[in-house]
Amino acid sequence: YVDFLGFEVEFEHRFEPGMPLYMGLRRDECRVHLSEHFGDAAPGARLR
């Protein structure tokens, strides 16, 4: 997302060290959140 697609990291959150990452990304007006938390989202989603 950052090196290849050119998004910038807006924020990173973990409840404590070693916990799953929840991260916000932005490129221009496009915002995407990515979560390592089980149950937040299912892999294989599609986004236009």
ModelCIF file with pLDDT and N, C-alpha, C, O atoms, coordinates in Angstrom:
data_MODEL
#
_entry.id   MODEL 
#
_entity.id                         1 
_entity.type                       polymer 
_entity.pdbx_number_of_molecules   1 
#
_entity_poly.entity_id                      1 
_entity_poly.type                           'polypeptide(L)' 
_entity_poly.nstd_linkage                   no 
_entity_poly.nstd_monomer                   no 
_entity_poly.pdbx_seq_one_letter_code       YVDFLGFEVEFEHRFEPGMPLYMGLRRDECRVHLSEHFGDAAPGARLR 
_entity_poly.pdbx_seq_one_letter_code_can   YVDFLGFEVEFEHRFEPGMPLYMGLRRDECRVHLSEHFGDAAPGARLR 
_entity_poly.pdbx_strand_id                 A 
#
loop_
_entity_poly_seq.entity_id 
_entity_poly_seq.num 
_entity_poly_seq.mon_id 
_entity_poly_seq.hetero 
1 1  TYR n 
1 2  VAL n 
1 3  ASP n 
1 4  PHE n 
1 5  LEU n 
1 6  GLY n 
1 7  PHE n 
1 8  GLU n 
1 9  VAL n 
1 10 GLU n 
1 11 PHE n 
1 12 GLU n 
1 13 HIS n 
1 14 ARG n 
1 15 PHE n 
1 16 GLU n 
1 17 PRO n 
1 18 GLY n 
1 19 MET n 
1 20 PRO n 
1 21 LEU n 
1 22 TYR n 
1 23 MET n 
1 24 GLY n 
1 25 LEU n 
1 26 ARG n 
1 27 ARG n 
1 28 ASP n 
1 29 GLU n 
1 30 CYS n 
1 31 ARG n 
1 32 VAL n 
1 33 HIS n 
1 34 LEU n 
1 35 SER n 
1 36 GLU n 
1 37 HIS n 
1 38 PHE n 
1 39 GLY n 
1 40 ASP n 
1 41 ALA n 
1 42 ALA n 
1 43 PRO n 
1 44 GLY n 
1 45 ALA n 
1 46 ARG n 
1 47 LEU n 
1 48 ARG n 
#
_struct_asym.id          A 
_struct_asym.entity_id   1 
#
loop_
_ma_qa_metric.id 
_ma_qa_metric.mode 
_ma_qa_metric.name 
_ma_qa_metric.software_group_id 
_ma_qa_metric.type 
1 global pLDDT . pLDDT 
2 local  pLDDT . pLDDT 
#
_ma_qa_metric_global.metric_id      1 
_ma_qa_metric_global.metric_value   94.98 
_ma_qa_metric_global.model_id       1 
_ma_qa_metric_global.ordinal_id     1 
#
loop_
_ma_qa_metric_local.label_asym_id 
_ma_qa_metric_local.label_comp_id 
_ma_qa_metric_local.label_seq_id 
_ma_qa_metric_local.metric_id 
_ma_qa_metric_local.metric_value 
_ma_qa_metric_local.model_id 
_ma_qa_metric_local.ordinal_id 
A TYR 1  2 97.00 1 1  
A VAL 2  2 97.00 1 2  
A ASP 3  2 95.00 1 3  
A PHE 4  2 96.00 1 4  
A LEU 5  2 97.00 1 5  
A GLY 6  2 96.00 1 6  
A PHE 7  2 97.00 1 7  
A GLU 8  2 98.00 1 8  
A VAL 9  2 98.00 1 9  
A GLU 10 2 98.00 1 10 
A PHE 11 2 98.00 1 11 
A GLU 12 2 97.00 1 12 
A HIS 13 2 97.00 1 13 
A ARG 14 2 95.00 1 14 
A PHE 15 2 93.00 1 15 
A GLU 16 2 94.00 1 16 
A PRO 17 2 93.00 1 17 
A GLY 18 2 91.00 1 18 
A MET 19 2 94.00 1 19 
A PRO 20 2 95.00 1 20 
A LEU 21 2 97.00 1 21 
A TYR 22 2 97.00 1 22 
A MET 23 2 98.00 1 23 
A GLY 24 2 98.00 1 24 
A LEU 25 2 98.00 1 25 
A ARG 26 2 97.00 1 26 
A ARG 27 2 96.00 1 27 
A ASP 28 2 94.00 1 28 
A GLU 29 2 93.00 1 29 
A CYS 30 2 95.00 1 30 
A ARG 31 2 97.00 1 31 
A VAL 32 2 97.00 1 32 
A HIS 33 2 97.00 1 33 
A LEU 34 2 97.00 1 34 
A SER 35 2 97.00 1 35 
A GLU 36 2 96.00 1 36 
A HIS 37 2 95.00 1 37 
A PHE 38 2 90.00 1 38 
A GLY 39 2 88.00 1 39 
A ASP 40 2 89.00 1 40 
A ALA 41 2 90.00 1 41 
A ALA 42 2 89.00 1 42 
A PRO 43 2 88.00 1 43 
A GLY 44 2 91.00 1 44 
A ALA 45 2 94.00 1 45 
A ARG 46 2 95.00 1 46 
A LEU 47 2 95.00 1 47 
A ARG 48 2 95.00 1 48 
#
loop_
_atom_site.group_PDB 
_atom_site.id 
_atom_site.type_symbol 
_atom_site.label_atom_id 
_atom_site.label_alt_id 
_atom_site.label_comp_id 
_atom_site.label_asym_id 
_atom_site.label_entity_id 
_atom_site.label_seq_id 
_atom_site.pdbx_PDB_ins_code 
_atom_site.Cartn_x 
_atom_site.Cartn_y 
_atom_site.Cartn_z 
_atom_site.occupancy 
_atom_site.B_iso_or_equiv 
_atom_site.pdbx_formal_charge 
_atom_site.auth_seq_id 
_atom_site.auth_comp_id 
_atom_site.auth_asym_id 
_atom_site.auth_atom_id 
_atom_site.pdbx_PDB_model_num 
ATOM 1   N N  . TYR A 1 1  ? 0.804   -1.225  0.000  1.00 97.00 ? 1  TYR A N  1 
ATOM 2   C CA . TYR A 1 1  ? 0.000   0.000   0.000  1.00 97.00 ? 1  TYR A CA 1 
ATOM 3   C C  . TYR A 1 1  ? 0.838   1.277   0.000  1.00 97.00 ? 1  TYR A C  1 
ATOM 4   O O  . TYR A 1 1  ? 0.487   2.242   -0.679 1.00 97.00 ? 1  TYR A O  1 
ATOM 5   N N  . VAL A 1 2  ? 1.923   1.294   0.741  1.00 97.00 ? 2  VAL A N  1 
ATOM 6   C CA . VAL A 1 2  ? 2.728   2.513   0.861  1.00 97.00 ? 2  VAL A CA 1 
ATOM 7   C C  . VAL A 1 2  ? 3.771   2.591   -0.250 1.00 97.00 ? 2  VAL A C  1 
ATOM 8   O O  . VAL A 1 2  ? 3.786   3.549   -1.023 1.00 97.00 ? 2  VAL A O  1 
ATOM 9   N N  . ASP A 1 3  ? 4.640   1.590   -0.333 1.00 95.00 ? 3  ASP A N  1 
ATOM 10  C CA . ASP A 1 3  ? 5.736   1.641   -1.301 1.00 95.00 ? 3  ASP A CA 1 
ATOM 11  C C  . ASP A 1 3  ? 5.264   1.468   -2.738 1.00 95.00 ? 3  ASP A C  1 
ATOM 12  O O  . ASP A 1 3  ? 5.741   2.167   -3.632 1.00 95.00 ? 3  ASP A O  1 
ATOM 13  N N  . PHE A 1 4  ? 4.338   0.551   -2.970 1.00 96.00 ? 4  PHE A N  1 
ATOM 14  C CA . PHE A 1 4  ? 3.886   0.265   -4.331 1.00 96.00 ? 4  PHE A CA 1 
ATOM 15  C C  . PHE A 1 4  ? 2.767   1.203   -4.788 1.00 96.00 ? 4  PHE A C  1 
ATOM 16  O O  . PHE A 1 4  ? 2.894   1.842   -5.832 1.00 96.00 ? 4  PHE A O  1 
ATOM 17  N N  . LEU A 1 5  ? 1.681   1.297   -4.029 1.00 97.00 ? 5  LEU A N  1 
ATOM 18  C CA . LEU A 1 5  ? 0.529   2.088   -4.461 1.00 97.00 ? 5  LEU A CA 1 
ATOM 19  C C  . LEU A 1 5  ? 0.631   3.569   -4.106 1.00 97.00 ? 5  LEU A C  1 
ATOM 20  O O  . LEU A 1 5  ? -0.104  4.381   -4.668 1.00 97.00 ? 5  LEU A O  1 
ATOM 21  N N  . GLY A 1 6  ? 1.518   3.938   -3.191 1.00 96.00 ? 6  GLY A N  1 
ATOM 22  C CA . GLY A 1 6  ? 1.721   5.348   -2.875 1.00 96.00 ? 6  GLY A CA 1 
ATOM 23  C C  . GLY A 1 6  ? 0.806   5.925   -1.817 1.00 96.00 ? 6  GLY A C  1 
ATOM 24  O O  . GLY A 1 6  ? 0.660   7.145   -1.734 1.00 96.00 ? 6  GLY A O  1 
ATOM 25  N N  . PHE A 1 7  ? 0.180   5.080   -0.999 1.00 97.00 ? 7  PHE A N  1 
ATOM 26  C CA . PHE A 1 7  ? -0.622  5.573   0.122  1.00 97.00 ? 7  PHE A CA 1 
ATOM 27  C C  . PHE A 1 7  ? 0.306   6.043   1.229  1.00 97.00 ? 7  PHE A C  1 
ATOM 28  O O  . PHE A 1 7  ? 1.470   5.644   1.277  1.00 97.00 ? 7  PHE A O  1 
ATOM 29  N N  . GLU A 1 8  ? -0.196  6.882   2.110  1.00 98.00 ? 8  GLU A N  1 
ATOM 30  C CA . GLU A 1 8  ? 0.554   7.272   3.301  1.00 98.00 ? 8  GLU A CA 1 
ATOM 31  C C  . GLU A 1 8  ? -0.187  6.757   4.520  1.00 98.00 ? 8  GLU A C  1 
ATOM 32  O O  . GLU A 1 8  ? -1.414  6.666   4.522  1.00 98.00 ? 8  GLU A O  1 
ATOM 33  N N  . VAL A 1 9  ? 0.566   6.423   5.552  1.00 98.00 ? 9  VAL A N  1 
ATOM 34  C CA . VAL A 1 9  ? -0.020  5.941   6.801  1.00 98.00 ? 9  VAL A CA 1 
ATOM 35  C C  . VAL A 1 9  ? -0.536  7.149   7.570  1.00 98.00 ? 9  VAL A C  1 
ATOM 36  O O  . VAL A 1 9  ? 0.229   8.056   7.895  1.00 98.00 ? 9  VAL A O  1 
ATOM 37  N N  . GLU A 1 10 ? -1.837  7.161   7.863  1.00 98.00 ? 10 GLU A N  1 
ATOM 38  C CA . GLU A 1 10 ? -2.425  8.229   8.679  1.00 98.00 ? 10 GLU A CA 1 
ATOM 39  C C  . GLU A 1 10 ? -2.299  7.926   10.163 1.00 98.00 ? 10 GLU A C  1 
ATOM 40  O O  . GLU A 1 10 ? -2.044  8.818   10.973 1.00 98.00 ? 10 GLU A O  1 
ATOM 41  N N  . PHE A 1 11 ? -2.481  6.653   10.511 1.00 98.00 ? 11 PHE A N  1 
ATOM 42  C CA . PHE A 1 11 ? -2.343  6.259   11.912 1.00 98.00 ? 11 PHE A CA 1 
ATOM 43  C C  . PHE A 1 11 ? -2.123  4.761   11.992 1.00 98.00 ? 11 PHE A C  1 
ATOM 44  O O  . PHE A 1 11 ? -2.456  4.015   11.071 1.00 98.00 ? 11 PHE A O  1 
ATOM 45  N N  . GLU A 1 12 ? -1.555  4.337   13.115 1.00 97.00 ? 12 GLU A N  1 
ATOM 46  C CA . GLU A 1 12 ? -1.417  2.925   13.465 1.00 97.00 ? 12 GLU A CA 1 
ATOM 47  C C  . GLU A 1 12 ? -1.887  2.772   14.906 1.00 97.00 ? 12 GLU A C  1 
ATOM 48  O O  . GLU A 1 12 ? -1.593  3.615   15.754 1.00 97.00 ? 12 GLU A O  1 
ATOM 49  N N  . HIS A 1 13 ? -2.616  1.699   15.180 1.00 97.00 ? 13 HIS A N  1 
ATOM 50  C CA . HIS A 1 13 ? -3.112  1.474   16.542 1.00 97.00 ? 13 HIS A CA 1 
ATOM 51  C C  . HIS A 1 13 ? -2.962  0.004   16.915 1.00 97.00 ? 13 HIS A C  1 
ATOM 52  O O  . HIS A 1 13 ? -3.293  -0.895  16.143 1.00 97.00 ? 13 HIS A O  1 
ATOM 53  N N  . ARG A 1 14 ? -2.456  -0.207  18.114 1.00 95.00 ? 14 ARG A N  1 
ATOM 54  C CA . ARG A 1 14 ? -2.452  -1.519  18.760 1.00 95.00 ? 14 ARG A CA 1 
ATOM 55  C C  . ARG A 1 14 ? -2.912  -1.289  20.196 1.00 95.00 ? 14 ARG A C  1 
ATOM 56  O O  . ARG A 1 14 ? -2.561  -0.278  20.805 1.00 95.00 ? 14 ARG A O  1 
ATOM 57  N N  . PHE A 1 15 ? -3.685  -2.206  20.732 1.00 93.00 ? 15 PHE A N  1 
ATOM 58  C CA . PHE A 1 15 ? -4.123  -2.063  22.122 1.00 93.00 ? 15 PHE A CA 1 
ATOM 59  C C  . PHE A 1 15 ? -2.945  -2.165  23.081 1.00 93.00 ? 15 PHE A C  1 
ATOM 60  O O  . PHE A 1 15 ? -2.953  -1.567  24.157 1.00 93.00 ? 15 PHE A O  1 
ATOM 61  N N  . GLU A 1 16 ? -1.933  -2.930  22.681 1.00 94.00 ? 16 GLU A N  1 
ATOM 62  C CA . GLU A 1 16 ? -0.680  -3.024  23.434 1.00 94.00 ? 16 GLU A CA 1 
ATOM 63  C C  . GLU A 1 16 ? 0.341   -3.675  22.516 1.00 94.00 ? 16 GLU A C  1 
ATOM 64  O O  . GLU A 1 16 ? -0.039  -4.264  21.504 1.00 94.00 ? 16 GLU A O  1 
ATOM 65  N N  . PRO A 1 17 ? 1.640   -3.587  22.844 1.00 93.00 ? 17 PRO A N  1 
ATOM 66  C CA . PRO A 1 17 ? 2.663   -4.180  21.978 1.00 93.00 ? 17 PRO A CA 1 
ATOM 67  C C  . PRO A 1 17 ? 2.395   -5.660  21.724 1.00 93.00 ? 17 PRO A C  1 
ATOM 68  O O  . PRO A 1 17 ? 1.982   -6.394  22.622 1.00 93.00 ? 17 PRO A O  1 
ATOM 69  N N  . GLY A 1 18 ? 2.634   -6.079  20.503 1.00 91.00 ? 18 GLY A N  1 
ATOM 70  C CA . GLY A 1 18 ? 2.421   -7.471  20.134 1.00 91.00 ? 18 GLY A CA 1 
ATOM 71  C C  . GLY A 1 18 ? 1.001   -7.812  19.734 1.00 91.00 ? 18 GLY A C  1 
ATOM 72  O O  . GLY A 1 18 ? 0.739   -8.931  19.291 1.00 91.00 ? 18 GLY A O  1 
ATOM 73  N N  . MET A 1 19 ? 0.073   -6.869  19.880 1.00 94.00 ? 19 MET A N  1 
ATOM 74  C CA . MET A 1 19 ? -1.318  -7.097  19.500 1.00 94.00 ? 19 MET A CA 1 
ATOM 75  C C  . MET A 1 19 ? -1.499  -6.792  18.014 1.00 94.00 ? 19 MET A C  1 
ATOM 76  O O  . MET A 1 19 ? -0.630  -6.165  17.409 1.00 94.00 ? 19 MET A O  1 
ATOM 77  N N  . PRO A 1 20 ? -2.605  -7.222  17.419 1.00 95.00 ? 20 PRO A N  1 
ATOM 78  C CA . PRO A 1 20 ? -2.843  -6.962  16.000 1.00 95.00 ? 20 PRO A CA 1 
ATOM 79  C C  . PRO A 1 20 ? -2.864  -5.466  15.674 1.00 95.00 ? 20 PRO A C  1 
ATOM 80  O O  . PRO A 1 20 ? -3.237  -4.634  16.500 1.00 95.00 ? 20 PRO A O  1 
ATOM 81  N N  . LEU A 1 21 ? -2.459  -5.162  14.466 1.00 97.00 ? 21 LEU A N  1 
ATOM 82  C CA . LEU A 1 21 ? -2.392  -3.781  13.980 1.00 97.00 ? 21 LEU A CA 1 
ATOM 83  C C  . LEU A 1 21 ? -3.705  -3.368  13.320 1.00 97.00 ? 21 LEU A C  1 
ATOM 84  O O  . LEU A 1 21 ? -4.296  -4.129  12.553 1.00 97.00 ? 21 LEU A O  1 
ATOM 85  N N  . TYR A 1 22 ? -4.147  -2.166  13.628 1.00 97.00 ? 22 TYR A N  1 
ATOM 86  C CA . TYR A 1 22 ? -5.243  -1.503  12.914 1.00 97.00 ? 22 TYR A CA 1 
ATOM 87  C C  . TYR A 1 22 ? -4.633  -0.218  12.366 1.00 97.00 ? 22 TYR A C  1 
ATOM 88  O O  . TYR A 1 22 ? -4.093  0.587   13.124 1.00 97.00 ? 22 TYR A O  1 
ATOM 89  N N  . MET A 1 23 ? -4.719  -0.024  11.041 1.00 98.00 ? 23 MET A N  1 
ATOM 90  C CA . MET A 1 23 ? -3.989  1.052   10.393 1.00 98.00 ? 23 MET A CA 1 
ATOM 91  C C  . MET A 1 23 ? -4.887  1.798   9.409  1.00 98.00 ? 23 MET A C  1 
ATOM 92  O O  . MET A 1 23 ? -5.695  1.192   8.705  1.00 98.00 ? 23 MET A O  1 
ATOM 93  N N  . GLY A 1 24 ? -4.735  3.116   9.371  1.00 98.00 ? 24 GLY A N  1 
ATOM 94  C CA . GLY A 1 24 ? -5.443  3.954   8.420  1.00 98.00 ? 24 GLY A CA 1 
ATOM 95  C C  . GLY A 1 24 ? -4.488  4.465   7.357  1.00 98.00 ? 24 GLY A C  1 
ATOM 96  O O  . GLY A 1 24 ? -3.398  4.944   7.670  1.00 98.00 ? 24 GLY A O  1 
ATOM 97  N N  . LEU A 1 25 ? -4.899  4.363   6.100  1.00 98.00 ? 25 LEU A N  1 
ATOM 98  C CA . LEU A 1 25 ? -4.096  4.815   4.970  1.00 98.00 ? 25 LEU A CA 1 
ATOM 99  C C  . LEU A 1 25 ? -4.873  5.835   4.153  1.00 98.00 ? 25 LEU A C  1 
ATOM 100 O O  . LEU A 1 25 ? -6.103  5.854   4.142  1.00 98.00 ? 25 LEU A O  1 
ATOM 101 N N  . ARG A 1 26 ? -4.107  6.684   3.466  1.00 97.00 ? 26 ARG A N  1 
ATOM 102 C CA . ARG A 1 26 ? -4.741  7.700   2.627  1.00 97.00 ? 26 ARG A CA 1 
ATOM 103 C C  . ARG A 1 26 ? -3.868  7.990   1.413  1.00 97.00 ? 26 ARG A C  1 
ATOM 104 O O  . ARG A 1 26 ? -2.642  8.055   1.498  1.00 97.00 ? 26 ARG A O  1 
ATOM 105 N N  . ARG A 1 27 ? -4.538  8.161   0.291  1.00 96.00 ? 27 ARG A N  1 
ATOM 106 C CA . ARG A 1 27 ? -3.900  8.716   -0.900 1.00 96.00 ? 27 ARG A CA 1 
ATOM 107 C C  . ARG A 1 27 ? -4.917  9.664   -1.504 1.00 96.00 ? 27 ARG A C  1 
ATOM 108 O O  . ARG A 1 27 ? -5.999  9.246   -1.917 1.00 96.00 ? 27 ARG A O  1 
ATOM 109 N N  . ASP A 1 28 ? -4.573  10.927  -1.555 1.00 94.00 ? 28 ASP A N  1 
ATOM 110 C CA . ASP A 1 28 ? -5.490  11.971  -1.990 1.00 94.00 ? 28 ASP A CA 1 
ATOM 111 C C  . ASP A 1 28 ? -6.765  11.884  -1.153 1.00 94.00 ? 28 ASP A C  1 
ATOM 112 O O  . ASP A 1 28 ? -6.693  11.966  0.074  1.00 94.00 ? 28 ASP A O  1 
ATOM 113 N N  . GLU A 1 29 ? -7.925  11.721  -1.780 1.00 93.00 ? 29 GLU A N  1 
ATOM 114 C CA . GLU A 1 29 ? -9.190  11.655  -1.043 1.00 93.00 ? 29 GLU A CA 1 
ATOM 115 C C  . GLU A 1 29 ? -9.607  10.224  -0.701 1.00 93.00 ? 29 GLU A C  1 
ATOM 116 O O  . GLU A 1 29 ? -10.642 10.014  -0.069 1.00 93.00 ? 29 GLU A O  1 
ATOM 117 N N  . CYS A 1 30 ? -8.811  9.246   -1.113 1.00 95.00 ? 30 CYS A N  1 
ATOM 118 C CA . CYS A 1 30 ? -9.138  7.845   -0.854 1.00 95.00 ? 30 CYS A CA 1 
ATOM 119 C C  . CYS A 1 30 ? -8.569  7.421   0.494  1.00 95.00 ? 30 CYS A C  1 
ATOM 120 O O  . CYS A 1 30 ? -7.373  7.560   0.749  1.00 95.00 ? 30 CYS A O  1 
ATOM 121 N N  . ARG A 1 31 ? -9.439  6.903   1.348  1.00 97.00 ? 31 ARG A N  1 
ATOM 122 C CA . ARG A 1 31 ? -9.022  6.387   2.656  1.00 97.00 ? 31 ARG A CA 1 
ATOM 123 C C  . ARG A 1 31 ? -9.399  4.912   2.756  1.00 97.00 ? 31 ARG A C  1 
ATOM 124 O O  . ARG A 1 31 ? -10.474 4.494   2.327  1.00 97.00 ? 31 ARG A O  1 
ATOM 125 N N  . VAL A 1 32 ? -8.493  4.145   3.329  1.00 97.00 ? 32 VAL A N  1 
ATOM 126 C CA . VAL A 1 32 ? -8.700  2.713   3.541  1.00 97.00 ? 32 VAL A CA 1 
ATOM 127 C C  . VAL A 1 32 ? -8.163  2.375   4.922  1.00 97.00 ? 32 VAL A C  1 
ATOM 128 O O  . VAL A 1 32 ? -7.104  2.861   5.318  1.00 97.00 ? 32 VAL A O  1 
ATOM 129 N N  . HIS A 1 33 ? -8.893  1.544   5.655  1.00 97.00 ? 33 HIS A N  1 
ATOM 130 C CA . HIS A 1 33 ? -8.390  1.015   6.921  1.00 97.00 ? 33 HIS A CA 1 
ATOM 131 C C  . HIS A 1 33 ? -8.069  -0.464  6.713  1.00 97.00 ? 33 HIS A C  1 
ATOM 132 O O  . HIS A 1 33 ? -8.780  -1.175  6.002  1.00 97.00 ? 33 HIS A O  1 
ATOM 133 N N  . LEU A 1 34 ? -6.992  -0.909  7.344  1.00 97.00 ? 34 LEU A N  1 
ATOM 134 C CA . LEU A 1 34 ? -6.579  -2.310  7.273  1.00 97.00 ? 34 LEU A CA 1 
ATOM 135 C C  . LEU A 1 34 ? -6.470  -2.843  8.688  1.00 97.00 ? 34 LEU A C  1 
ATOM 136 O O  . LEU A 1 34 ? -5.933  -2.176  9.573  1.00 97.00 ? 34 LEU A O  1 
ATOM 137 N N  . SER A 1 35 ? -6.980  -4.041  8.898  1.00 97.00 ? 35 SER A N  1 
ATOM 138 C CA . SER A 1 35 ? -7.026  -4.597  10.245 1.00 97.00 ? 35 SER A CA 1 
ATOM 139 C C  . SER A 1 35 ? -6.508  -6.028  10.265 1.00 97.00 ? 35 SER A C  1 
ATOM 140 O O  . SER A 1 35 ? -6.870  -6.855  9.428  1.00 97.00 ? 35 SER A O  1 
ATOM 141 N N  . GLU A 1 36 ? -5.648  -6.296  11.247 1.00 96.00 ? 36 GLU A N  1 
ATOM 142 C CA . GLU A 1 36 ? -5.198  -7.660  11.504 1.00 96.00 ? 36 GLU A CA 1 
ATOM 143 C C  . GLU A 1 36 ? -6.106  -8.356  12.521 1.00 96.00 ? 36 GLU A C  1 
ATOM 144 O O  . GLU A 1 36 ? -5.896  -9.527  12.836 1.00 96.00 ? 36 GLU A O  1 
ATOM 145 N N  . HIS A 1 37 ? -7.102  -7.654  13.031 1.00 95.00 ? 37 HIS A N  1 
ATOM 146 C CA . HIS A 1 37 ? -7.993  -8.217  14.043 1.00 95.00 ? 37 HIS A CA 1 
ATOM 147 C C  . HIS A 1 37 ? -8.940  -9.243  13.435 1.00 95.00 ? 37 HIS A C  1 
ATOM 148 O O  . HIS A 1 37 ? -9.627  -8.963  12.452 1.00 95.00 ? 37 HIS A O  1 
ATOM 149 N N  . PHE A 1 38 ? -8.969  -10.417 14.021 1.00 90.00 ? 38 PHE A N  1 
ATOM 150 C CA . PHE A 1 38 ? -9.892  -11.462 13.604 1.00 90.00 ? 38 PHE A CA 1 
ATOM 151 C C  . PHE A 1 38 ? -11.320 -10.939 13.739 1.00 90.00 ? 38 PHE A C  1 
ATOM 152 O O  . PHE A 1 38 ? -11.693 -10.414 14.788 1.00 90.00 ? 38 PHE A O  1 
ATOM 153 N N  . GLY A 1 39 ? -12.112 -11.081 12.689 1.00 88.00 ? 39 GLY A N  1 
ATOM 154 C CA . GLY A 1 39 ? -13.506 -10.680 12.734 1.00 88.00 ? 39 GLY A CA 1 
ATOM 155 C C  . GLY A 1 39 ? -13.783 -9.282  12.220 1.00 88.00 ? 39 GLY A C  1 
ATOM 156 O O  . GLY A 1 39 ? -14.944 -8.942  11.990 1.00 88.00 ? 39 GLY A O  1 
ATOM 157 N N  . ASP A 1 40 ? -12.756 -8.452  12.028 1.00 89.00 ? 40 ASP A N  1 
ATOM 158 C CA . ASP A 1 40 ? -13.001 -7.107  11.502 1.00 89.00 ? 40 ASP A CA 1 
ATOM 159 C C  . ASP A 1 40 ? -13.409 -7.126  10.035 1.00 89.00 ? 40 ASP A C  1 
ATOM 160 O O  . ASP A 1 40 ? -14.242 -6.327  9.607  1.00 89.00 ? 40 ASP A O  1 
ATOM 161 N N  . ALA A 1 41 ? -12.836 -8.017  9.282  1.00 90.00 ? 41 ALA A N  1 
ATOM 162 C CA . ALA A 1 41 ? -13.132 -8.104  7.855  1.00 90.00 ? 41 ALA A CA 1 
ATOM 163 C C  . ALA A 1 41 ? -12.673 -9.461  7.363  1.00 90.00 ? 41 ALA A C  1 
ATOM 164 O O  . ALA A 1 41 ? -11.830 -10.107 7.985  1.00 90.00 ? 41 ALA A O  1 
ATOM 165 N N  . ALA A 1 42 ? -13.230 -9.887  6.249  1.00 89.00 ? 42 ALA A N  1 
ATOM 166 C CA . ALA A 1 42 ? -12.836 -11.157 5.662  1.00 89.00 ? 42 ALA A CA 1 
ATOM 167 C C  . ALA A 1 42 ? -11.897 -10.900 4.486  1.00 89.00 ? 42 ALA A C  1 
ATOM 168 O O  . ALA A 1 42 ? -12.135 -9.984  3.699  1.00 89.00 ? 42 ALA A O  1 
ATOM 169 N N  . PRO A 1 43 ? -10.839 -11.691 4.354  1.00 88.00 ? 43 PRO A N  1 
ATOM 170 C CA . PRO A 1 43 ? -9.973  -11.524 3.183  1.00 88.00 ? 43 PRO A CA 1 
ATOM 171 C C  . PRO A 1 43 ? -10.753 -11.821 1.914  1.00 88.00 ? 43 PRO A C  1 
ATOM 172 O O  . PRO A 1 43 ? -11.718 -12.585 1.937  1.00 88.00 ? 43 PRO A O  1 
ATOM 173 N N  . GLY A 1 44 ? -10.343 -11.225 0.820  1.00 91.00 ? 44 GLY A N  1 
ATOM 174 C CA . GLY A 1 44 ? -11.005 -11.458 -0.453 1.00 91.00 ? 44 GLY A CA 1 
ATOM 175 C C  . GLY A 1 44 ? -12.048 -10.416 -0.799 1.00 91.00 ? 44 GLY A C  1 
ATOM 176 O O  . GLY A 1 44 ? -12.813 -10.606 -1.744 1.00 91.00 ? 44 GLY A O  1 
ATOM 177 N N  . ALA A 1 45 ? -12.099 -9.317  -0.057 1.00 94.00 ? 45 ALA A N  1 
ATOM 178 C CA . ALA A 1 45 ? -13.038 -8.234  -0.384 1.00 94.00 ? 45 ALA A CA 1 
ATOM 179 C C  . ALA A 1 45 ? -12.632 -7.584  -1.702 1.00 94.00 ? 45 ALA A C  1 
ATOM 180 O O  . ALA A 1 45 ? -11.511 -7.764  -2.176 1.00 94.00 ? 45 ALA A O  1 
ATOM 181 N N  . ARG A 1 46 ? -13.538 -6.843  -2.275 1.00 95.00 ? 46 ARG A N  1 
ATOM 182 C CA . ARG A 1 46 ? -13.245 -6.128  -3.524 1.00 95.00 ? 46 ARG A CA 1 
ATOM 183 C C  . ARG A 1 46 ? -13.586 -4.663  -3.329 1.00 95.00 ? 46 ARG A C  1 
ATOM 184 O O  . ARG A 1 46 ? -14.611 -4.320  -2.741 1.00 95.00 ? 46 ARG A O  1 
ATOM 185 N N  . LEU A 1 47 ? -12.705 -3.802  -3.836 1.00 95.00 ? 47 LEU A N  1 
ATOM 186 C CA . LEU A 1 47 ? -12.846 -2.368  -3.668 1.00 95.00 ? 47 LEU A CA 1 
ATOM 187 C C  . LEU A 1 47 ? -12.589 -1.686  -5.005 1.00 95.00 ? 47 LEU A C  1 
ATOM 188 O O  . LEU A 1 47 ? -11.610 -2.008  -5.677 1.00 95.00 ? 47 LEU A O  1 
ATOM 189 N N  . ARG A 1 48 ? -13.451 -0.748  -5.406 1.00 95.00 ? 48 ARG A N  1 
ATOM 190 C CA . ARG A 1 48 ? -13.247 0.047   -6.622 1.00 95.00 ? 48 ARG A CA 1 
ATOM 191 C C  . ARG A 1 48 ? -12.786 1.440   -6.214 1.00 95.00 ? 48 ARG A C  1 
ATOM 192 O O  . ARG A 1 48 ? -12.550 2.289   -7.074 1.00 95.00 ? 48 ARG A O  1 
#
